[in-house]
PDB file of N, CA and C in Angstrom:
ATOM      1  N   MET A   1     -22.481  -2.994 -22.046  1.00  0.00           N
ATOM      2  CA  MET A   1     -22.359  -1.560 -21.866  1.00  0.00           C
ATOM      3  C   MET A   1     -22.877  -1.134 -20.502  1.00  0.00           C
ATOM      4  N   GLU A   2     -23.984  -1.742 -20.066  1.00  0.00           N
ATOM      5  CA  GLU A   2     -24.555  -1.379 -18.783  1.00  0.00           C
ATOM      6  C   GLU A   2     -23.680  -1.844 -17.630  1.00  0.00           C
ATOM      7  N   ALA A   3     -22.958  -2.949 -17.811  1.00  0.00           N
ATOM      8  CA  ALA A   3     -22.102  -3.469 -16.750  1.00  0.00           C
ATOM      9  C   ALA A   3     -20.938  -2.514 -16.469  1.00  0.00           C
ATOM     10  N   GLU A   4     -20.374  -1.906 -17.518  1.00  0.00           N
ATOM     11  CA  GLU A   4     -19.265  -0.981 -17.327  1.00  0.00           C
ATOM     12  C   GLU A   4     -19.706   0.242 -16.535  1.00  0.00           C
ATOM     13  N   ILE A   5     -20.883   0.746 -16.830  1.00  0.00           N
ATOM     14  CA  ILE A   5     -21.404   1.907 -16.117  1.00  0.00           C
ATOM     15  C   ILE A   5     -21.673   1.546 -14.655  1.00  0.00           C
ATOM     16  N   LEU A   6     -22.218   0.358 -14.433  1.00  0.00           N
ATOM     17  CA  LEU A   6     -22.500  -0.096 -13.079  1.00  0.00           C
ATOM     18  C   LEU A   6     -21.214  -0.239 -12.265  1.00  0.00           C
ATOM     19  N   ILE A   7     -20.172  -0.748 -12.885  1.00  0.00           N
ATOM     20  CA  ILE A   7     -18.883  -0.885 -12.194  1.00  0.00           C
ATOM     21  C   ILE A   7     -18.324   0.484 -11.838  1.00  0.00           C
ATOM     22  N   PHE A   8     -18.384   1.428 -12.773  1.00  0.00           N
ATOM     23  CA  PHE A   8     -17.883   2.778 -12.523  1.00  0.00           C
ATOM     24  C   PHE A   8     -18.654   3.445 -11.389  1.00  0.00           C
ATOM     25  N   ILE A   9     -19.963   3.332 -11.403  1.00  0.00           N
ATOM     26  CA  ILE A   9     -20.792   3.942 -10.355  1.00  0.00           C
ATOM     27  C   ILE A   9     -20.502   3.291  -8.999  1.00  0.00           C
ATOM     28  N   THR A  10     -20.363   1.983  -8.981  1.00  0.00           N
ATOM     29  CA  THR A  10     -20.075   1.268  -7.738  1.00  0.00           C
ATOM     30  C   THR A  10     -18.734   1.696  -7.159  1.00  0.00           C
ATOM     31  N   MET A  11     -17.722   1.794  -8.004  1.00  0.00           N
ATOM     32  CA  MET A  11     -16.403   2.218  -7.523  1.00  0.00           C
ATOM     33  C   MET A  11     -16.453   3.640  -6.978  1.00  0.00           C
ATOM     34  N   PHE A  12     -17.187   4.530  -7.630  1.00  0.00           N
ATOM     35  CA  PHE A  12     -17.323   5.902  -7.150  1.00  0.00           C
ATOM     36  C   PHE A  12     -18.008   5.927  -5.796  1.00  0.00           C
ATOM     37  N   ILE A  13     -19.062   5.143  -5.629  1.00  0.00           N
ATOM     38  CA  ILE A  13     -19.790   5.101  -4.357  1.00  0.00           C
ATOM     39  C   ILE A  13     -18.893   4.560  -3.246  1.00  0.00           C
ATOM     40  N   VAL A  14     -18.110   3.532  -3.536  1.00  0.00           N
ATOM     41  CA  VAL A  14     -17.222   2.960  -2.527  1.00  0.00           C
ATOM     42  C   VAL A  14     -16.166   3.985  -2.096  1.00  0.00           C
ATOM     43  N   ILE A  15     -15.539   4.656  -3.041  1.00  0.00           N
ATOM     44  CA  ILE A  15     -14.526   5.656  -2.713  1.00  0.00           C
ATOM     45  C   ILE A  15     -15.138   6.804  -1.923  1.00  0.00           C
ATOM     46  N   PHE A  16     -16.309   7.261  -2.335  1.00  0.00           N
ATOM     47  CA  PHE A  16     -16.989   8.332  -1.612  1.00  0.00           C
ATOM     48  C   PHE A  16     -17.355   7.889  -0.203  1.00  0.00           C
ATOM     49  N   GLY A  17     -17.843   6.666  -0.055  1.00  0.00           N
ATOM     50  CA  GLY A  17     -18.228   6.156   1.257  1.00  0.00           C
ATOM     51  C   GLY A  17     -17.048   6.051   2.204  1.00  0.00           C
ATOM     52  N   ILE A  18     -15.925   5.574   1.708  1.00  0.00           N
ATOM     53  CA  ILE A  18     -14.729   5.472   2.547  1.00  0.00           C
ATOM     54  C   ILE A  18     -14.261   6.858   2.988  1.00  0.00           C
ATOM     55  N   ALA A  19     -14.225   7.805   2.066  1.00  0.00           N
ATOM     56  CA  ALA A  19     -13.796   9.163   2.409  1.00  0.00           C
ATOM     57  C   ALA A  19     -14.771   9.805   3.405  1.00  0.00           C
ATOM     58  N   TYR A  20     -16.068   9.615   3.197  1.00  0.00           N
ATOM     59  CA  TYR A  20     -17.068  10.188   4.105  1.00  0.00           C
ATOM     60  C   TYR A  20     -16.928   9.618   5.502  1.00  0.00           C
ATOM     61  N   LEU A  21     -16.790   8.298   5.606  1.00  0.00           N
ATOM     62  CA  LEU A  21     -16.638   7.672   6.916  1.00  0.00           C
ATOM     63  C   LEU A  21     -15.370   8.145   7.623  1.00  0.00           C
ATOM     64  N   ARG A  22     -14.298   8.269   6.877  1.00  0.00           N
ATOM     65  CA  ARG A  22     -13.037   8.702   7.497  1.00  0.00           C
ATOM     66  C   ARG A  22     -13.157  10.106   8.074  1.00  0.00           C
ATOM     67  N   TYR A  23     -13.668  11.027   7.282  1.00  0.00           N
ATOM     68  CA  TYR A  23     -13.714  12.408   7.744  1.00  0.00           C
ATOM     69  C   TYR A  23     -14.799  12.635   8.792  1.00  0.00           C
ATOM     70  N   SER A  24     -15.928  11.970   8.678  1.00  0.00           N
ATOM     71  CA  SER A  24     -16.972  12.161   9.685  1.00  0.00           C
ATOM     72  C   SER A  24     -16.557  11.550  11.019  1.00  0.00           C
ATOM     73  N   THR A  25     -15.908  10.392  10.994  1.00  0.00           N
ATOM     74  CA  THR A  25     -15.440   9.776  12.233  1.00  0.00           C
ATOM     75  C   THR A  25     -14.350  10.619  12.874  1.00  0.00           C
ATOM     76  N   ARG A  26     -13.446  11.114  12.062  1.00  0.00           N
ATOM     77  CA  ARG A  26     -12.372  11.958  12.579  1.00  0.00           C
ATOM     78  C   ARG A  26     -12.939  13.214  13.228  1.00  0.00           C
ATOM     79  N   ASN A  27     -13.950  13.808  12.597  1.00  0.00           N
ATOM     80  CA  ASN A  27     -14.569  15.012  13.135  1.00  0.00           C
ATOM     81  C   ASN A  27     -15.257  14.712  14.464  1.00  0.00           C
ATOM     82  N   LYS A  28     -15.981  13.583  14.550  1.00  0.00           N
ATOM     83  CA  LYS A  28     -16.662  13.217  15.796  1.00  0.00           C
ATOM     84  C   LYS A  28     -15.663  12.963  16.921  1.00  0.00           C
ATOM     85  N   GLU A  29     -14.563  12.310  16.614  1.00  0.00           N
ATOM     86  CA  GLU A  29     -13.537  12.061  17.637  1.00  0.00           C
ATOM     87  C   GLU A  29     -12.957  13.368  18.150  1.00  0.00           C
ATOM     88  N   ARG A  30     -12.667  14.276  17.252  1.00  0.00           N
ATOM     89  CA  ARG A  30     -12.089  15.560  17.660  1.00  0.00           C
ATOM     90  C   ARG A  30     -13.069  16.378  18.490  1.00  0.00           C
ATOM     91  N   LEU A  31     -14.339  16.370  18.089  1.00  0.00           N
ATOM     92  CA  LEU A  31     -15.334  17.109  18.870  1.00  0.00           C
ATOM     93  C   LEU A  31     -15.483  16.521  20.269  1.00  0.00           C
ATOM     94  N   ALA A  32     -15.446  15.194  20.384  1.00  0.00           N
ATOM     95  CA  ALA A  32     -15.549  14.562  21.694  1.00  0.00           C
ATOM     96  C   ALA A  32     -14.346  14.921  22.568  1.00  0.00           C
ATOM     97  N   LEU A  33     -13.163  14.955  21.992  1.00  0.00           N
ATOM     98  CA  LEU A  33     -11.973  15.322  22.764  1.00  0.00           C
ATOM     99  C   LEU A  33     -12.016  16.786  23.190  1.00  0.00           C
ATOM    100  N   ILE A  34     -12.514  17.644  22.321  1.00  0.00           N
ATOM    101  CA  ILE A  34     -12.608  19.065  22.663  1.00  0.00           C
ATOM    102  C   ILE A  34     -13.623  19.268  23.779  1.00  0.00           C
ATOM    103  N   GLU A  35     -14.747  18.522  23.732  1.00  0.00           N
ATOM    104  CA  GLU A  35     -15.753  18.638  24.793  1.00  0.00           C
ATOM    105  C   GLU A  35     -15.196  18.219  26.150  1.00  0.00           C
ATOM    106  N   LYS A  36     -14.278  17.256  26.140  1.00  0.00           N
ATOM    107  CA  LYS A  36     -13.684  16.799  27.395  1.00  0.00           C
ATOM    108  C   LYS A  36     -12.545  17.702  27.848  1.00  0.00           C
ATOM    109  N   GLY A  37     -12.210  18.701  27.053  1.00  0.00           N
ATOM    110  CA  GLY A  37     -11.194  19.663  27.444  1.00  0.00           C
ATOM    111  C   GLY A  37      -9.782  19.277  27.050  1.00  0.00           C
ATOM    112  N   ALA A  38      -9.619  18.424  26.063  1.00  0.00           N
ATOM    113  CA  ALA A  38      -8.289  18.021  25.622  1.00  0.00           C
ATOM    114  C   ALA A  38      -7.628  19.168  24.861  1.00  0.00           C
ATOM    115  N   ASP A  39      -6.313  19.202  24.915  1.00  0.00           N
ATOM    116  CA  ASP A  39      -5.551  20.238  24.234  1.00  0.00           C
ATOM    117  C   ASP A  39      -5.550  19.969  22.732  1.00  0.00           C
ATOM    118  N   ALA A  40      -5.615  21.008  21.919  1.00  0.00           N
ATOM    119  CA  ALA A  40      -5.665  20.855  20.463  1.00  0.00           C
ATOM    120  C   ALA A  40      -4.341  20.383  19.881  1.00  0.00           C
ATOM    121  N   SER A  41      -3.274  20.430  20.653  1.00  0.00           N
ATOM    122  CA  SER A  41      -1.972  20.027  20.129  1.00  0.00           C
ATOM    123  C   SER A  41      -1.899  18.522  19.866  1.00  0.00           C
ATOM    124  N   ILE A  42      -2.810  17.737  20.432  1.00  0.00           N
ATOM    125  CA  ILE A  42      -2.770  16.294  20.187  1.00  0.00           C
ATOM    126  C   ILE A  42      -3.176  15.945  18.761  1.00  0.00           C
ATOM    127  N   PHE A  43      -3.792  16.877  18.050  1.00  0.00           N
ATOM    128  CA  PHE A  43      -4.208  16.619  16.678  1.00  0.00           C
ATOM    129  C   PHE A  43      -3.073  16.751  15.677  1.00  0.00           C
ATOM    130  N   PHE A  44      -1.971  17.349  16.104  1.00  0.00           N
ATOM    131  CA  PHE A  44      -0.879  17.602  15.191  1.00  0.00           C
ATOM    132  C   PHE A  44       0.343  16.806  15.619  1.00  0.00           C
ATOM    133  N   SER A  45       1.021  16.248  14.654  1.00  0.00           N
ATOM    134  CA  SER A  45       2.218  15.458  14.936  1.00  0.00           C
ATOM    135  C   SER A  45       3.429  16.374  14.997  1.00  0.00           C
ATOM    136  N   ASN A  46       4.256  16.165  15.988  1.00  0.00           N
ATOM    137  CA  ASN A  46       5.485  16.954  16.107  1.00  0.00           C
ATOM    138  C   ASN A  46       6.554  16.458  15.160  1.00  0.00           C
ATOM    139  N   LYS A  47       6.455  15.201  14.763  1.00  0.00           N
ATOM    140  CA  LYS A  47       7.472  14.581  13.937  1.00  0.00           C
ATOM    141  C   LYS A  47       7.054  14.640  12.467  1.00  0.00           C
ATOM    142  N   LYS A  48       7.755  15.396  11.685  1.00  0.00           N
ATOM    143  CA  LYS A  48       7.476  15.489  10.245  1.00  0.00           C
ATOM    144  C   LYS A  48       8.665  14.948   9.478  1.00  0.00           C
ATOM    145  N   LEU A  49       8.368  14.213   8.415  1.00  0.00           N
ATOM    146  CA  LEU A  49       9.432  13.683   7.575  1.00  0.00           C
ATOM    147  C   LEU A  49       9.912  14.760   6.613  1.00  0.00           C
ATOM    148  N   SER A  50      11.199  14.813   6.427  1.00  0.00           N
ATOM    149  CA  SER A  50      11.732  15.770   5.471  1.00  0.00           C
ATOM    150  C   SER A  50      11.407  15.284   4.054  1.00  0.00           C
ATOM    151  N   PRO A  51      11.307  16.211   3.094  1.00  0.00           N
ATOM    152  CA  PRO A  51      10.993  15.785   1.722  1.00  0.00           C
ATOM    153  C   PRO A  51      12.013  14.819   1.143  1.00  0.00           C
ATOM    154  N   SER A  52      13.279  14.979   1.497  1.00  0.00           N
ATOM    155  CA  SER A  52      14.293  14.076   0.970  1.00  0.00           C
ATOM    156  C   SER A  52      14.107  12.669   1.522  1.00  0.00           C
ATOM    157  N   LEU A  53      13.721  12.552   2.796  1.00  0.00           N
ATOM    158  CA  LEU A  53      13.467  11.236   3.385  1.00  0.00           C
ATOM    159  C   LEU A  53      12.223  10.599   2.772  1.00  0.00           C
ATOM    160  N   THR A  54      11.220  11.401   2.480  1.00  0.00           N
ATOM    161  CA  THR A  54      10.013  10.874   1.852  1.00  0.00           C
ATOM    162  C   THR A  54      10.342  10.287   0.487  1.00  0.00           C
ATOM    163  N   TRP A  55      11.135  10.983  -0.307  1.00  0.00           N
ATOM    164  CA  TRP A  55      11.507  10.467  -1.621  1.00  0.00           C
ATOM    165  C   TRP A  55      12.360   9.215  -1.501  1.00  0.00           C
ATOM    166  N   LYS A  56      13.245   9.186  -0.500  1.00  0.00           N
ATOM    167  CA  LYS A  56      14.049   7.978  -0.292  1.00  0.00           C
ATOM    168  C   LYS A  56      13.172   6.781   0.023  1.00  0.00           C
ATOM    169  N   ILE A  57      12.159   6.996   0.839  1.00  0.00           N
ATOM    170  CA  ILE A  57      11.254   5.908   1.205  1.00  0.00           C
ATOM    171  C   ILE A  57      10.468   5.436  -0.010  1.00  0.00           C
ATOM    172  N   ILE A  58       9.963   6.359  -0.815  1.00  0.00           N
ATOM    173  CA  ILE A  58       9.195   5.983  -2.011  1.00  0.00           C
ATOM    174  C   ILE A  58      10.068   5.213  -2.988  1.00  0.00           C
ATOM    175  N   ILE A  59      11.254   5.719  -3.243  1.00  0.00           N
ATOM    176  CA  ILE A  59      12.153   5.061  -4.191  1.00  0.00           C
ATOM    177  C   ILE A  59      12.585   3.692  -3.671  1.00  0.00           C
ATOM    178  N   LEU A  60      12.860   3.601  -2.380  1.00  0.00           N
ATOM    179  CA  LEU A  60      13.244   2.318  -1.794  1.00  0.00           C
ATOM    180  C   LEU A  60      12.135   1.288  -1.942  1.00  0.00           C
ATOM    181  N   ASN A  61      10.902   1.671  -1.617  1.00  0.00           N
ATOM    182  CA  ASN A  61       9.782   0.734  -1.728  1.00  0.00           C
ATOM    183  C   ASN A  61       9.520   0.323  -3.173  1.00  0.00           C
ATOM    184  N   LEU A  62       9.580   1.265  -4.106  1.00  0.00           N
ATOM    185  CA  LEU A  62       9.376   0.922  -5.514  1.00  0.00           C
ATOM    186  C   LEU A  62      10.486   0.017  -6.035  1.00  0.00           C
ATOM    187  N   ALA A  63      11.721   0.301  -5.638  1.00  0.00           N
ATOM    188  CA  ALA A  63      12.845  -0.519  -6.095  1.00  0.00           C
ATOM    189  C   ALA A  63      12.716  -1.955  -5.603  1.00  0.00           C
ATOM    190  N   VAL A  64      12.395  -2.116  -4.331  1.00  0.00           N
ATOM    191  CA  VAL A  64      12.268  -3.472  -3.786  1.00  0.00           C
ATOM    192  C   VAL A  64      11.058  -4.179  -4.405  1.00  0.00           C
ATOM    193  N   LEU A  65       9.963  -3.451  -4.649  1.00  0.00           N
ATOM    194  CA  LEU A  65       8.800  -4.050  -5.292  1.00  0.00           C
ATOM    195  C   LEU A  65       9.127  -4.528  -6.700  1.00  0.00           C
ATOM    196  N   PHE A  66       9.788  -3.686  -7.483  1.00  0.00           N
ATOM    197  CA  PHE A  66      10.123  -4.072  -8.861  1.00  0.00           C
ATOM    198  C   PHE A  66      11.154  -5.195  -8.905  1.00  0.00           C
ATOM    199  N   MET A  67      12.073  -5.215  -7.946  1.00  0.00           N
ATOM    200  CA  MET A  67      13.004  -6.347  -7.880  1.00  0.00           C
ATOM    201  C   MET A  67      12.252  -7.628  -7.563  1.00  0.00           C
ATOM    202  N   GLY A  68      11.282  -7.558  -6.682  1.00  0.00           N
ATOM    203  CA  GLY A  68      10.480  -8.730  -6.363  1.00  0.00           C
ATOM    204  C   GLY A  68       9.688  -9.224  -7.559  1.00  0.00           C
ATOM    205  N   ILE A  69       9.132  -8.304  -8.334  1.00  0.00           N
ATOM    206  CA  ILE A  69       8.390  -8.691  -9.537  1.00  0.00           C
ATOM    207  C   ILE A  69       9.336  -9.325 -10.554  1.00  0.00           C
ATOM    208  N   GLY A  70      10.508  -8.744 -10.723  1.00  0.00           N
ATOM    209  CA  GLY A  70      11.485  -9.311 -11.658  1.00  0.00           C
ATOM    210  C   GLY A  70      11.927 -10.704 -11.250  1.00  0.00           C
ATOM    211  N   ILE A  71      12.197 -10.889  -9.971  1.00  0.00           N
ATOM    212  CA  ILE A  71      12.575 -12.218  -9.487  1.00  0.00           C
ATOM    213  C   ILE A  71      11.410 -13.187  -9.659  1.00  0.00           C
ATOM    214  N   GLY A  72      10.173 -12.707  -9.459  1.00  0.00           N
ATOM    215  CA  GLY A  72       8.996 -13.551  -9.655  1.00  0.00           C
ATOM    216  C   GLY A  72       8.855 -14.021 -11.090  1.00  0.00           C
ATOM    217  N   VAL A  73       9.108 -13.137 -12.048  1.00  0.00           N
ATOM    218  CA  VAL A  73       9.064 -13.516 -13.464  1.00  0.00           C
ATOM    219  C   VAL A  73      10.142 -14.556 -13.768  1.00  0.00           C
ATOM    220  N   PHE A  74      11.324 -14.340 -13.223  1.00  0.00           N
ATOM    221  CA  PHE A  74      12.435 -15.268 -13.446  1.00  0.00           C
ATOM    222  C   PHE A  74      12.122 -16.650 -12.863  1.00  0.00           C
ATOM    223  N   ILE A  75      11.658 -16.695 -11.635  1.00  0.00           N
ATOM    224  CA  ILE A  75      11.334 -17.979 -11.011  1.00  0.00           C
ATOM    225  C   ILE A  75      10.148 -18.637 -11.721  1.00  0.00           C
ATOM    226  N   GLY A  76       9.154 -17.836 -12.148  1.00  0.00           N
ATOM    227  CA  GLY A  76       8.024 -18.383 -12.903  1.00  0.00           C
ATOM    228  C   GLY A  76       8.469 -19.013 -14.208  1.00  0.00           C
ATOM    229  N   SER A  77       9.425 -18.375 -14.866  1.00  0.00           N
ATOM    230  CA  SER A  77       9.965 -18.940 -16.104  1.00  0.00           C
ATOM    231  C   SER A  77      10.674 -20.263 -15.842  1.00  0.00           C
ATOM    232  N   ILE A  78      11.446 -20.317 -14.771  1.00  0.00           N
ATOM    233  CA  ILE A  78      12.126 -21.567 -14.417  1.00  0.00           C
ATOM    234  C   ILE A  78      11.105 -22.660 -14.103  1.00  0.00           C
ATOM    235  N   LEU A  79      10.070 -22.312 -13.349  1.00  0.00           N
ATOM    236  CA  LEU A  79       9.042 -23.301 -13.015  1.00  0.00           C
ATOM    237  C   LEU A  79       8.330 -23.810 -14.259  1.00  0.00           C
ATOM    238  N   HIS A  80       8.042 -22.915 -15.187  1.00  0.00           N
ATOM    239  CA  HIS A  80       7.310 -23.310 -16.388  1.00  0.00           C
ATOM    240  C   HIS A  80       8.162 -24.162 -17.322  1.00  0.00           C
ATOM    241  N   HIS A  81       9.368 -23.739 -17.598  1.00  0.00           N
ATOM    242  CA  HIS A  81      10.187 -24.439 -18.595  1.00  0.00           C
ATOM    243  C   HIS A  81      10.877 -25.683 -18.052  1.00  0.00           C
ATOM    244  N   ASN A  82      11.338 -25.651 -16.823  1.00  0.00           N
ATOM    245  CA  ASN A  82      12.105 -26.783 -16.303  1.00  0.00           C
ATOM    246  C   ASN A  82      11.255 -27.798 -15.545  1.00  0.00           C
ATOM    247  N   LEU A  83      10.238 -27.322 -14.843  1.00  0.00           N
ATOM    248  CA  LEU A  83       9.449 -28.231 -14.015  1.00  0.00           C
ATOM    249  C   LEU A  83       8.078 -28.554 -14.608  1.00  0.00           C
ATOM    250  N   GLY A  84       7.707 -27.897 -15.692  1.00  0.00           N
ATOM    251  CA  GLY A  84       6.459 -28.205 -16.387  1.00  0.00           C
ATOM    252  C   GLY A  84       5.206 -27.681 -15.719  1.00  0.00           C
ATOM    253  N   VAL A  85       5.340 -26.675 -14.854  1.00  0.00           N
ATOM    254  CA  VAL A  85       4.165 -26.076 -14.227  1.00  0.00           C
ATOM    255  C   VAL A  85       3.436 -25.249 -15.287  1.00  0.00           C
ATOM    256  N   GLU A  86       2.099 -25.212 -15.197  1.00  0.00           N
ATOM    257  CA  GLU A  86       1.338 -24.425 -16.176  1.00  0.00           C
ATOM    258  C   GLU A  86       1.815 -22.972 -16.159  1.00  0.00           C
ATOM    259  N   GLU A  87       1.791 -22.353 -17.337  1.00  0.00           N
ATOM    260  CA  GLU A  87       2.339 -21.002 -17.473  1.00  0.00           C
ATOM    261  C   GLU A  87       1.610 -19.989 -16.594  1.00  0.00           C
ATOM    262  N   GLY A  88       0.289 -20.017 -16.620  1.00  0.00           N
ATOM    263  CA  GLY A  88      -0.484 -19.048 -15.833  1.00  0.00           C
ATOM    264  C   GLY A  88      -0.251 -19.178 -14.344  1.00  0.00           C
ATOM    265  N   VAL A  89      -0.204 -20.409 -13.876  1.00  0.00           N
ATOM    266  CA  VAL A  89       0.006 -20.643 -12.448  1.00  0.00           C
ATOM    267  C   VAL A  89       1.421 -20.255 -12.048  1.00  0.00           C
ATOM    268  N   ALA A  90       2.389 -20.635 -12.856  1.00  0.00           N
ATOM    269  CA  ALA A  90       3.788 -20.369 -12.521  1.00  0.00           C
ATOM    270  C   ALA A  90       4.066 -18.873 -12.459  1.00  0.00           C
ATOM    271  N   PHE A  91       3.646 -18.156 -13.475  1.00  0.00           N
ATOM    272  CA  PHE A  91       3.954 -16.724 -13.526  1.00  0.00           C
ATOM    273  C   PHE A  91       3.144 -15.930 -12.508  1.00  0.00           C
ATOM    274  N   ALA A  92       1.831 -16.146 -12.493  1.00  0.00           N
ATOM    275  CA  ALA A  92       0.990 -15.358 -11.586  1.00  0.00           C
ATOM    276  C   ALA A  92       1.339 -15.635 -10.128  1.00  0.00           C
ATOM    277  N   GLY A  93       1.513 -16.884  -9.799  1.00  0.00           N
ATOM    278  CA  GLY A  93       1.810 -17.231  -8.411  1.00  0.00           C
ATOM    279  C   GLY A  93       3.119 -16.665  -7.927  1.00  0.00           C
ATOM    280  N   THR A  94       4.157 -16.841  -8.711  1.00  0.00           N
ATOM    281  CA  THR A  94       5.467 -16.360  -8.245  1.00  0.00           C
ATOM    282  C   THR A  94       5.576 -14.836  -8.302  1.00  0.00           C
ATOM    283  N   ILE A  95       4.920 -14.204  -9.258  1.00  0.00           N
ATOM    284  CA  ILE A  95       4.971 -12.737  -9.309  1.00  0.00           C
ATOM    285  C   ILE A  95       4.298 -12.156  -8.076  1.00  0.00           C
ATOM    286  N   PHE A  96       3.105 -12.651  -7.730  1.00  0.00           N
ATOM    287  CA  PHE A  96       2.421 -12.121  -6.550  1.00  0.00           C
ATOM    288  C   PHE A  96       3.164 -12.465  -5.261  1.00  0.00           C
ATOM    289  N   LEU A  97       3.694 -13.661  -5.180  1.00  0.00           N
ATOM    290  CA  LEU A  97       4.450 -14.055  -3.990  1.00  0.00           C
ATOM    291  C   LEU A  97       5.680 -13.177  -3.813  1.00  0.00           C
ATOM    292  N   MET A  98       6.457 -13.022  -4.847  1.00  0.00           N
ATOM    293  CA  MET A  98       7.688 -12.244  -4.733  1.00  0.00           C
ATOM    294  C   MET A  98       7.401 -10.747  -4.580  1.00  0.00           C
ATOM    295  N   ALA A  99       6.327 -10.253  -5.195  1.00  0.00           N
ATOM    296  CA  ALA A  99       5.955  -8.846  -4.991  1.00  0.00           C
ATOM    297  C   ALA A  99       5.554  -8.618  -3.543  1.00  0.00           C
ATOM    298  N   GLY A 100       4.825  -9.554  -2.952  1.00  0.00           N
ATOM    299  CA  GLY A 100       4.464  -9.444  -1.536  1.00  0.00           C
ATOM    300  C   GLY A 100       5.683  -9.477  -0.635  1.00  0.00           C
ATOM    301  N   ILE A 101       6.611 -10.376  -0.927  1.00  0.00           N
ATOM    302  CA  ILE A 101       7.847 -10.431  -0.150  1.00  0.00           C
ATOM    303  C   ILE A 101       8.630  -9.130  -0.319  1.00  0.00           C
ATOM    304  N   GLY A 102       8.633  -8.582  -1.545  1.00  0.00           N
ATOM    305  CA  GLY A 102       9.315  -7.312  -1.788  1.00  0.00           C
ATOM    306  C   GLY A 102       8.681  -6.166  -1.019  1.00  0.00           C
ATOM    307  N   LEU A 103       7.350  -6.123  -0.970  1.00  0.00           N
ATOM    308  CA  LEU A 103       6.683  -5.069  -0.211  1.00  0.00           C
ATOM    309  C   LEU A 103       6.968  -5.194   1.278  1.00  0.00           C
ATOM    310  N   PHE A 104       6.972  -6.417   1.784  1.00  0.00           N
ATOM    311  CA  PHE A 104       7.289  -6.610   3.197  1.00  0.00           C
ATOM    312  C   PHE A 104       8.729  -6.201   3.494  1.00  0.00           C
ATOM    313  N   THR A 105       9.637  -6.552   2.609  1.00  0.00           N
ATOM    314  CA  THR A 105      11.038  -6.165   2.786  1.00  0.00           C
ATOM    315  C   THR A 105      11.183  -4.639   2.733  1.00  0.00           C
ATOM    316  N   GLY A 106      10.488  -4.001   1.800  1.00  0.00           N
ATOM    317  CA  GLY A 106      10.523  -2.546   1.717  1.00  0.00           C
ATOM    318  C   GLY A 106       9.967  -1.888   2.965  1.00  0.00           C
ATOM    319  N   PHE A 107       8.911  -2.465   3.522  1.00  0.00           N
ATOM    320  CA  PHE A 107       8.333  -1.945   4.760  1.00  0.00           C
ATOM    321  C   PHE A 107       9.340  -2.043   5.904  1.00  0.00           C
ATOM    322  N   THR A 108      10.008  -3.190   5.997  1.00  0.00           N
ATOM    323  CA  THR A 108      11.001  -3.387   7.049  1.00  0.00           C
ATOM    324  C   THR A 108      12.168  -2.410   6.895  1.00  0.00           C
ATOM    325  N   LEU A 109      12.658  -2.251   5.666  1.00  0.00           N
ATOM    326  CA  LEU A 109      13.754  -1.310   5.437  1.00  0.00           C
ATOM    327  C   LEU A 109      13.320   0.138   5.695  1.00  0.00           C
ATOM    328  N   THR A 110      12.079   0.459   5.377  1.00  0.00           N
ATOM    329  CA  THR A 110      11.567   1.808   5.617  1.00  0.00           C
ATOM    330  C   THR A 110      11.504   2.105   7.104  1.00  0.00           C
ATOM    331  N   LYS A 111      11.088   1.127   7.906  1.00  0.00           N
ATOM    332  CA  LYS A 111      11.061   1.333   9.353  1.00  0.00           C
ATOM    333  C   LYS A 111      12.462   1.613   9.885  1.00  0.00           C
ATOM    334  N   LYS A 112      13.463   0.875   9.389  1.00  0.00           N
ATOM    335  CA  LYS A 112      14.835   1.104   9.826  1.00  0.00           C
ATOM    336  C   LYS A 112      15.325   2.488   9.385  1.00  0.00           C
ATOM    337  N   LEU A 113      14.964   2.890   8.163  1.00  0.00           N
ATOM    338  CA  LEU A 113      15.399   4.182   7.626  1.00  0.00           C
ATOM    339  C   LEU A 113      14.729   5.330   8.384  1.00  0.00           C
ATOM    340  N   ALA A 114      13.483   5.162   8.752  1.00  0.00           N
ATOM    341  CA  ALA A 114      12.763   6.229   9.453  1.00  0.00           C
ATOM    342  C   ALA A 114      13.280   6.408  10.874  1.00  0.00           C
ATOM    343  N   ARG A 115      13.783   5.348  11.493  1.00  0.00           N
ATOM    344  CA  ARG A 115      14.337   5.462  12.838  1.00  0.00           C
ATOM    345  C   ARG A 115      15.605   6.287  12.867  1.00  0.00           C
ATOM    346  N   GLU A 116      16.383   6.226  11.789  1.00  0.00           N
ATOM    347  CA  GLU A 116      17.673   6.931  11.740  1.00  0.00           C
ATOM    348  C   GLU A 116      17.488   8.378  11.545  1.00  0.00           C
TER     349      GLU A 116
END
């Protein structure tokens, strides 16, 4: 029971620490640029993605990820039944490998889609 509480508290502290570091560092950088006389327009991006493009990117990445997981399950099944690889190794290894390949492919396709 105590371990679960410790894990929850640790995760909360880590998330809080990351958020604190991000915002405090960002604030210090902006103050330093303002002191040097930089224009405030550098803080804002001129290029905004349209909502339809954002949804296309999300759907594309999820689709490629799920296809990678599905192919990983299929290849893991082939490895386990035909080649005699242990079930845990076959499934876990190929699922993570193919999911990683799917995420990389989705990233590459997203870069091409964002350029257009």
